[in-house]
Amino acid sequence: MINTNMTEDSTVFGGRDKLREGIKEAYKRFKPKAIFVTTSCASAIIGDDIKSITDEMEKEIKIPVVPVFCEGFRSKI
């Protein structure tokens, strides 16, 4: 699992570029057959358009890039 590690700057200015770079790096290093991108509370609160980024990256790297919208999920652990 790779994490973009959203910082305060990402929260204020958006994490779009960081997500794009993370997807490209994951593809370059691991050559997966698909990439799944999970959302977080922070990305939901600031309104990053994860779907448009995954669609764009899917066209660029030619493998499925699937958004998994899980902001607000809780665990009992």
PDB file of N, CA and C in Angstrom:
ATOM      1  N   MET A   1       0.849  -1.170   0.000  1.00  0.00           N
ATOM      2  CA  MET A   1       0.000   0.000   0.000  1.00  0.00           C
ATOM      3  C   MET A   1       0.897   1.235   0.000  1.00  0.00           C
ATOM      4  N   ILE A   2       0.561   2.149  -0.853  1.00  0.00           N
ATOM      5  CA  ILE A   2       1.300   3.411  -0.960  1.00  0.00           C
ATOM      6  C   ILE A   2       0.395   4.529  -0.458  1.00  0.00           C
ATOM      7  N   ASN A   3       0.966   5.487   0.232  1.00  0.00           N
ATOM      8  CA  ASN A   3       0.219   6.582   0.829  1.00  0.00           C
ATOM      9  C   ASN A   3       0.776   7.902   0.305  1.00  0.00           C
ATOM     10  N   THR A   4      -0.109   8.845  -0.019  1.00  0.00           N
ATOM     11  CA  THR A   4       0.375  10.157  -0.475  1.00  0.00           C
ATOM     12  C   THR A   4       0.772  11.055   0.681  1.00  0.00           C
ATOM     13  N   ASN A   5       0.409  10.649   1.902  1.00  0.00           N
ATOM     14  CA  ASN A   5       0.800  11.397   3.094  1.00  0.00           C
ATOM     15  C   ASN A   5       0.380  12.864   2.994  1.00  0.00           C
ATOM     16  N   MET A   6      -0.915  13.096   2.951  1.00  0.00           N
ATOM     17  CA  MET A   6      -1.428  14.470   2.872  1.00  0.00           C
ATOM     18  C   MET A   6      -0.909  15.293   4.047  1.00  0.00           C
ATOM     19  N   THR A   7      -0.398  16.460   3.742  1.00  0.00           N
ATOM     20  CA  THR A   7       0.122  17.375   4.754  1.00  0.00           C
ATOM     21  C   THR A   7      -0.845  18.548   4.912  1.00  0.00           C
ATOM     22  N   GLU A   8      -0.459  19.482   5.749  1.00  0.00           N
ATOM     23  CA  GLU A   8      -1.283  20.683   5.918  1.00  0.00           C
ATOM     24  C   GLU A   8      -1.422  21.424   4.589  1.00  0.00           C
ATOM     25  N   ASP A   9      -0.329  21.502   3.825  1.00  0.00           N
ATOM     26  CA  ASP A   9      -0.381  22.174   2.521  1.00  0.00           C
ATOM     27  C   ASP A   9      -1.367  21.480   1.583  1.00  0.00           C
ATOM     28  N   SER A  10      -1.341  20.147   1.562  1.00  0.00           N
ATOM     29  CA  SER A  10      -2.275  19.393   0.716  1.00  0.00           C
ATOM     30  C   SER A  10      -3.716  19.648   1.133  1.00  0.00           C
ATOM     31  N   THR A  11      -3.922  19.763   2.431  1.00  0.00           N
ATOM     32  CA  THR A  11      -5.267  20.000   2.932  1.00  0.00           C
ATOM     33  C   THR A  11      -5.757  21.389   2.539  1.00  0.00           C
ATOM     34  N   VAL A  12      -4.879  22.360   2.531  1.00  0.00           N
ATOM     35  CA  VAL A  12      -5.260  23.720   2.163  1.00  0.00           C
ATOM     36  C   VAL A  12      -5.361  23.893   0.648  1.00  0.00           C
ATOM     37  N   PHE A  13      -4.368  23.421  -0.076  1.00  0.00           N
ATOM     38  CA  PHE A  13      -4.288  23.679  -1.514  1.00  0.00           C
ATOM     39  C   PHE A  13      -4.769  22.523  -2.384  1.00  0.00           C
ATOM     40  N   GLY A  14      -5.113  21.402  -1.782  1.00  0.00           N
ATOM     41  CA  GLY A  14      -5.575  20.242  -2.539  1.00  0.00           C
ATOM     42  C   GLY A  14      -4.458  19.245  -2.775  1.00  0.00           C
ATOM     43  N   GLY A  15      -4.853  17.997  -2.947  1.00  0.00           N
ATOM     44  CA  GLY A  15      -3.871  16.939  -3.110  1.00  0.00           C
ATOM     45  C   GLY A  15      -3.824  16.353  -4.503  1.00  0.00           C
ATOM     46  N   ARG A  16      -4.391  17.043  -5.481  1.00  0.00           N
ATOM     47  CA  ARG A  16      -4.474  16.509  -6.846  1.00  0.00           C
ATOM     48  C   ARG A  16      -3.108  16.149  -7.425  1.00  0.00           C
ATOM     49  N   ASP A  17      -2.168  17.065  -7.365  1.00  0.00           N
ATOM     50  CA  ASP A  17      -0.847  16.809  -7.955  1.00  0.00           C
ATOM     51  C   ASP A  17      -0.121  15.687  -7.220  1.00  0.00           C
ATOM     52  N   LYS A  18      -0.247  15.681  -5.909  1.00  0.00           N
ATOM     53  CA  LYS A  18       0.393  14.645  -5.103  1.00  0.00           C
ATOM     54  C   LYS A  18      -0.189  13.265  -5.438  1.00  0.00           C
ATOM     55  N   LEU A  19      -1.493  13.205  -5.655  1.00  0.00           N
ATOM     56  CA  LEU A  19      -2.134  11.941  -6.015  1.00  0.00           C
ATOM     57  C   LEU A  19      -1.679  11.476  -7.394  1.00  0.00           C
ATOM     58  N   ARG A  20      -1.640  12.391  -8.347  1.00  0.00           N
ATOM     59  CA  ARG A  20      -1.151  12.033  -9.694  1.00  0.00           C
ATOM     60  C   ARG A  20       0.264  11.463  -9.632  1.00  0.00           C
ATOM     61  N   GLU A  21       1.137  12.136  -8.906  1.00  0.00           N
ATOM     62  CA  GLU A  21       2.518  11.676  -8.777  1.00  0.00           C
ATOM     63  C   GLU A  21       2.588  10.311  -8.091  1.00  0.00           C
ATOM     64  N   GLY A  22       1.759  10.111  -7.077  1.00  0.00           N
ATOM     65  CA  GLY A  22       1.732   8.829  -6.374  1.00  0.00           C
ATOM     66  C   GLY A  22       1.295   7.682  -7.274  1.00  0.00           C
ATOM     67  N   ILE A  23       0.297   7.932  -8.105  1.00  0.00           N
ATOM     68  CA  ILE A  23      -0.185   6.912  -9.037  1.00  0.00           C
ATOM     69  C   ILE A  23       0.896   6.596 -10.072  1.00  0.00           C
ATOM     70  N   LYS A  24       1.525   7.636 -10.611  1.00  0.00           N
ATOM     71  CA  LYS A  24       2.592   7.418 -11.596  1.00  0.00           C
ATOM     72  C   LYS A  24       3.751   6.628 -10.991  1.00  0.00           C
ATOM     73  N   GLU A  25       4.148   6.982  -9.782  1.00  0.00           N
ATOM     74  CA  GLU A  25       5.256   6.299  -9.120  1.00  0.00           C
ATOM     75  C   GLU A  25       4.910   4.843  -8.814  1.00  0.00           C
ATOM     76  N   ALA A  26       3.683   4.596  -8.369  1.00  0.00           N
ATOM     77  CA  ALA A  26       3.251   3.218  -8.095  1.00  0.00           C
ATOM     78  C   ALA A  26       3.301   2.381  -9.371  1.00  0.00           C
ATOM     79  N   TYR A  27       2.840   2.962 -10.461  1.00  0.00           N
ATOM     80  CA  TYR A  27       2.863   2.246 -11.742  1.00  0.00           C
ATOM     81  C   TYR A  27       4.295   1.971 -12.194  1.00  0.00           C
ATOM     82  N   LYS A  28       5.130   2.978 -12.096  1.00  0.00           N
ATOM     83  CA  LYS A  28       6.521   2.861 -12.534  1.00  0.00           C
ATOM     84  C   LYS A  28       7.280   1.800 -11.723  1.00  0.00           C
ATOM     85  N   ARG A  29       7.091   1.797 -10.415  1.00  0.00           N
ATOM     86  CA  ARG A  29       7.847   0.894  -9.542  1.00  0.00           C
ATOM     87  C   ARG A  29       7.330  -0.531  -9.536  1.00  0.00           C
ATOM     88  N   PHE A  30       6.002  -0.710  -9.577  1.00  0.00           N
ATOM     89  CA  PHE A  30       5.430  -2.036  -9.344  1.00  0.00           C
ATOM     90  C   PHE A  30       4.747  -2.663 -10.551  1.00  0.00           C
ATOM     91  N   LYS A  31       4.478  -1.883 -11.589  1.00  0.00           N
ATOM     92  CA  LYS A  31       3.794  -2.386 -12.798  1.00  0.00           C
ATOM     93  C   LYS A  31       2.558  -3.235 -12.456  1.00  0.00           C
ATOM     94  N   PRO A  32       1.639  -2.694 -11.668  1.00  0.00           N
ATOM     95  CA  PRO A  32       0.454  -3.465 -11.290  1.00  0.00           C
ATOM     96  C   PRO A  32      -0.524  -3.601 -12.457  1.00  0.00           C
ATOM     97  N   LYS A  33      -1.449  -4.535 -12.327  1.00  0.00           N
ATOM     98  CA  LYS A  33      -2.495  -4.701 -13.344  1.00  0.00           C
ATOM     99  C   LYS A  33      -3.643  -3.729 -13.100  1.00  0.00           C
ATOM    100  N   ALA A  34      -3.714  -3.183 -11.881  1.00  0.00           N
ATOM    101  CA  ALA A  34      -4.729  -2.188 -11.521  1.00  0.00           C
ATOM    102  C   ALA A  34      -4.225  -1.427 -10.296  1.00  0.00           C
ATOM    103  N   ILE A  35      -4.737  -0.220 -10.125  1.00  0.00           N
ATOM    104  CA  ILE A  35      -4.430   0.590  -8.947  1.00  0.00           C
ATOM    105  C   ILE A  35      -5.754   1.025  -8.331  1.00  0.00           C
ATOM    106  N   PHE A  36      -5.861   0.859  -7.009  1.00  0.00           N
ATOM    107  CA  PHE A  36      -7.043   1.289  -6.281  1.00  0.00           C
ATOM    108  C   PHE A  36      -6.660   2.487  -5.420  1.00  0.00           C
ATOM    109  N   VAL A  37      -7.459   3.540  -5.503  1.00  0.00           N
ATOM    110  CA  VAL A  37      -7.201   4.772  -4.763  1.00  0.00           C
ATOM    111  C   VAL A  37      -8.296   4.932  -3.727  1.00  0.00           C
ATOM    112  N   THR A  38      -7.902   4.901  -2.445  1.00  0.00           N
ATOM    113  CA  THR A  38      -8.883   5.089  -1.382  1.00  0.00           C
ATOM    114  C   THR A  38      -8.886   6.550  -0.945  1.00  0.00           C
ATOM    115  N   THR A  39     -10.060   7.023  -0.598  1.00  0.00           N
ATOM    116  CA  THR A  39     -10.196   8.402  -0.132  1.00  0.00           C
ATOM    117  C   THR A  39     -10.053   8.442   1.380  1.00  0.00           C
ATOM    118  N   SER A  40      -9.924   9.633   1.900  1.00  0.00           N
ATOM    119  CA  SER A  40      -9.837   9.838   3.350  1.00  0.00           C
ATOM    120  C   SER A  40     -10.798  10.954   3.740  1.00  0.00           C
ATOM    121  N   CYS A  41     -10.938  11.149   5.022  1.00  0.00           N
ATOM    122  CA  CYS A  41     -11.784  12.258   5.483  1.00  0.00           C
ATOM    123  C   CYS A  41     -11.256  13.592   4.948  1.00  0.00           C
ATOM    124  N   ALA A  42      -9.941  13.762   4.974  1.00  0.00           N
ATOM    125  CA  ALA A  42      -9.357  15.033   4.524  1.00  0.00           C
ATOM    126  C   ALA A  42      -9.655  15.304   3.060  1.00  0.00           C
ATOM    127  N   SER A  43      -9.489  14.294   2.196  1.00  0.00           N
ATOM    128  CA  SER A  43      -9.748  14.526   0.768  1.00  0.00           C
ATOM    129  C   SER A  43     -11.220  14.820   0.510  1.00  0.00           C
ATOM    130  N   ALA A  44     -12.100  14.225   1.310  1.00  0.00           N
ATOM    131  CA  ALA A  44     -13.533  14.495   1.160  1.00  0.00           C
ATOM    132  C   ALA A  44     -13.884  15.904   1.637  1.00  0.00           C
ATOM    133  N   ILE A  45     -13.315  16.302   2.763  1.00  0.00           N
ATOM    134  CA  ILE A  45     -13.618  17.620   3.331  1.00  0.00           C
ATOM    135  C   ILE A  45     -13.181  18.740   2.386  1.00  0.00           C
ATOM    136  N   ILE A  46     -11.998  18.606   1.775  1.00  0.00           N
ATOM    137  CA  ILE A  46     -11.523  19.674   0.892  1.00  0.00           C
ATOM    138  C   ILE A  46     -12.106  19.562  -0.510  1.00  0.00           C
ATOM    139  N   GLY A  47     -12.761  18.437  -0.809  1.00  0.00           N
ATOM    140  CA  GLY A  47     -13.464  18.319  -2.078  1.00  0.00           C
ATOM    141  C   GLY A  47     -12.606  17.959  -3.275  1.00  0.00           C
ATOM    142  N   ASP A  48     -11.465  17.301  -3.046  1.00  0.00           N
ATOM    143  CA  ASP A  48     -10.672  16.837  -4.188  1.00  0.00           C
ATOM    144  C   ASP A  48     -11.518  15.904  -5.052  1.00  0.00           C
ATOM    145  N   ASP A  49     -11.491  16.115  -6.347  1.00  0.00           N
ATOM    146  CA  ASP A  49     -12.274  15.312  -7.281  1.00  0.00           C
ATOM    147  C   ASP A  49     -11.477  14.053  -7.658  1.00  0.00           C
ATOM    148  N   ILE A  50     -11.541  13.080  -6.798  1.00  0.00           N
ATOM    149  CA  ILE A  50     -10.765  11.846  -6.962  1.00  0.00           C
ATOM    150  C   ILE A  50     -11.172  11.116  -8.240  1.00  0.00           C
ATOM    151  N   LYS A  51     -12.450  11.093  -8.547  1.00  0.00           N
ATOM    152  CA  LYS A  51     -12.940  10.382  -9.739  1.00  0.00           C
ATOM    153  C   LYS A  51     -12.314  10.945 -11.012  1.00  0.00           C
ATOM    154  N   SER A  52     -12.253  12.260 -11.147  1.00  0.00           N
ATOM    155  CA  SER A  52     -11.672  12.828 -12.367  1.00  0.00           C
ATOM    156  C   SER A  52     -10.175  12.520 -12.461  1.00  0.00           C
ATOM    157  N   ILE A  53      -9.488  12.508 -11.322  1.00  0.00           N
ATOM    158  CA  ILE A  53      -8.059  12.198 -11.325  1.00  0.00           C
ATOM    159  C   ILE A  53      -7.838  10.739 -11.717  1.00  0.00           C
ATOM    160  N   THR A  54      -8.625   9.827 -11.152  1.00  0.00           N
ATOM    161  CA  THR A  54      -8.449   8.408 -11.496  1.00  0.00           C
ATOM    162  C   THR A  54      -8.797   8.166 -12.963  1.00  0.00           C
ATOM    163  N   ASP A  55      -9.823   8.823 -13.466  1.00  0.00           N
ATOM    164  CA  ASP A  55     -10.172   8.687 -14.898  1.00  0.00           C
ATOM    165  C   ASP A  55      -9.029   9.175 -15.786  1.00  0.00           C
ATOM    166  N   GLU A  56      -8.474  10.315 -15.436  1.00  0.00           N
ATOM    167  CA  GLU A  56      -7.364  10.896 -16.195  1.00  0.00           C
ATOM    168  C   GLU A  56      -6.139   9.972 -16.178  1.00  0.00           C
ATOM    169  N   MET A  57      -5.808   9.458 -15.007  1.00  0.00           N
ATOM    170  CA  MET A  57      -4.628   8.601 -14.881  1.00  0.00           C
ATOM    171  C   MET A  57      -4.828   7.256 -15.570  1.00  0.00           C
ATOM    172  N   GLU A  58      -6.045   6.746 -15.554  1.00  0.00           N
ATOM    173  CA  GLU A  58      -6.346   5.489 -16.242  1.00  0.00           C
ATOM    174  C   GLU A  58      -6.047   5.610 -17.736  1.00  0.00           C
ATOM    175  N   LYS A  59      -6.414   6.732 -18.315  1.00  0.00           N
ATOM    176  CA  LYS A  59      -6.136   6.970 -19.736  1.00  0.00           C
ATOM    177  C   LYS A  59      -4.636   7.105 -19.984  1.00  0.00           C
ATOM    178  N   GLU A  60      -3.943   7.730 -19.047  1.00  0.00           N
ATOM    179  CA  GLU A  60      -2.511   7.971 -19.229  1.00  0.00           C
ATOM    180  C   GLU A  60      -1.670   6.695 -19.083  1.00  0.00           C
ATOM    181  N   ILE A  61      -1.959   5.876 -18.058  1.00  0.00           N
ATOM    182  CA  ILE A  61      -1.100   4.713 -17.818  1.00  0.00           C
ATOM    183  C   ILE A  61      -1.679   3.410 -18.362  1.00  0.00           C
ATOM    184  N   LYS A  62      -2.902   3.464 -18.886  1.00  0.00           N
ATOM    185  CA  LYS A  62      -3.511   2.336 -19.612  1.00  0.00           C
ATOM    186  C   LYS A  62      -3.760   1.083 -18.764  1.00  0.00           C
ATOM    187  N   ILE A  63      -4.071   1.287 -17.471  1.00  0.00           N
ATOM    188  CA  ILE A  63      -4.554   0.205 -16.612  1.00  0.00           C
ATOM    189  C   ILE A  63      -5.715   0.768 -15.799  1.00  0.00           C
ATOM    190  N   PRO A  64      -6.574  -0.103 -15.230  1.00  0.00           N
ATOM    191  CA  PRO A  64      -7.651   0.420 -14.391  1.00  0.00           C
ATOM    192  C   PRO A  64      -7.108   1.159 -13.168  1.00  0.00           C
ATOM    193  N   VAL A  65      -7.633   2.352 -12.936  1.00  0.00           N
ATOM    194  CA  VAL A  65      -7.337   3.126 -11.726  1.00  0.00           C
ATOM    195  C   VAL A  65      -8.698   3.382 -11.087  1.00  0.00           C
ATOM    196  N   VAL A  66      -8.968   2.672 -10.004  1.00  0.00           N
ATOM    197  CA  VAL A  66     -10.309   2.595  -9.427  1.00  0.00           C
ATOM    198  C   VAL A  66     -10.393   3.393  -8.128  1.00  0.00           C
ATOM    199  N   PRO A  67     -11.296   4.382  -8.068  1.00  0.00           N
ATOM    200  CA  PRO A  67     -11.477   5.096  -6.807  1.00  0.00           C
ATOM    201  C   PRO A  67     -12.342   4.274  -5.851  1.00  0.00           C
ATOM    202  N   VAL A  68     -11.951   4.256  -4.581  1.00  0.00           N
ATOM    203  CA  VAL A  68     -12.716   3.579  -3.542  1.00  0.00           C
ATOM    204  C   VAL A  68     -13.073   4.650  -2.512  1.00  0.00           C
ATOM    205  N   PHE A  69     -14.331   5.026  -2.489  1.00  0.00           N
ATOM    206  CA  PHE A  69     -14.767   6.126  -1.631  1.00  0.00           C
ATOM    207  C   PHE A  69     -15.086   5.598  -0.233  1.00  0.00           C
ATOM    208  N   CYS A  70     -14.158   5.816   0.687  1.00  0.00           N
ATOM    209  CA  CYS A  70     -14.326   5.268   2.034  1.00  0.00           C
ATOM    210  C   CYS A  70     -14.144   6.327   3.124  1.00  0.00           C
ATOM    211  N   GLU A  71     -14.305   7.583   2.777  1.00  0.00           N
ATOM    212  CA  GLU A  71     -14.211   8.612   3.801  1.00  0.00           C
ATOM    213  C   GLU A  71     -15.324   8.406   4.827  1.00  0.00           C
ATOM    214  N   GLY A  72     -14.975   8.604   6.064  1.00  0.00           N
ATOM    215  CA  GLY A  72     -15.958   8.463   7.131  1.00  0.00           C
ATOM    216  C   GLY A  72     -16.144   7.046   7.635  1.00  0.00           C
ATOM    217  N   PHE A  73     -15.428   6.076   7.095  1.00  0.00           N
ATOM    218  CA  PHE A  73     -15.529   4.706   7.599  1.00  0.00           C
ATOM    219  C   PHE A  73     -14.929   4.655   8.998  1.00  0.00           C
ATOM    220  N   ARG A  74     -15.503   3.821   9.835  1.00  0.00           N
ATOM    221  CA  ARG A  74     -14.994   3.649  11.189  1.00  0.00           C
ATOM    222  C   ARG A  74     -14.668   2.195  11.429  1.00  0.00           C
ATOM    223  N   SER A  75     -13.785   1.975  12.334  1.00  0.00           N
ATOM    224  CA  SER A  75     -13.405   0.626  12.717  1.00  0.00           C
ATOM    225  C   SER A  75     -13.692   0.445  14.201  1.00  0.00           C
ATOM    226  N   LYS A  76     -13.971  -0.770  14.598  1.00  0.00           N
ATOM    227  CA  LYS A  76     -14.172  -1.059  16.018  1.00  0.00           C
ATOM    228  C   LYS A  76     -12.901  -1.611  16.648  1.00  0.00           C
ATOM    229  N   ILE A  77     -11.806  -1.490  15.923  1.00  0.00           N
ATOM    230  CA  ILE A  77     -10.532  -2.001  16.450  1.00  0.00           C
ATOM    231  C   ILE A  77      -9.970  -1.024  17.449  1.00  0.00           C
TER     232      ILE A  77
END
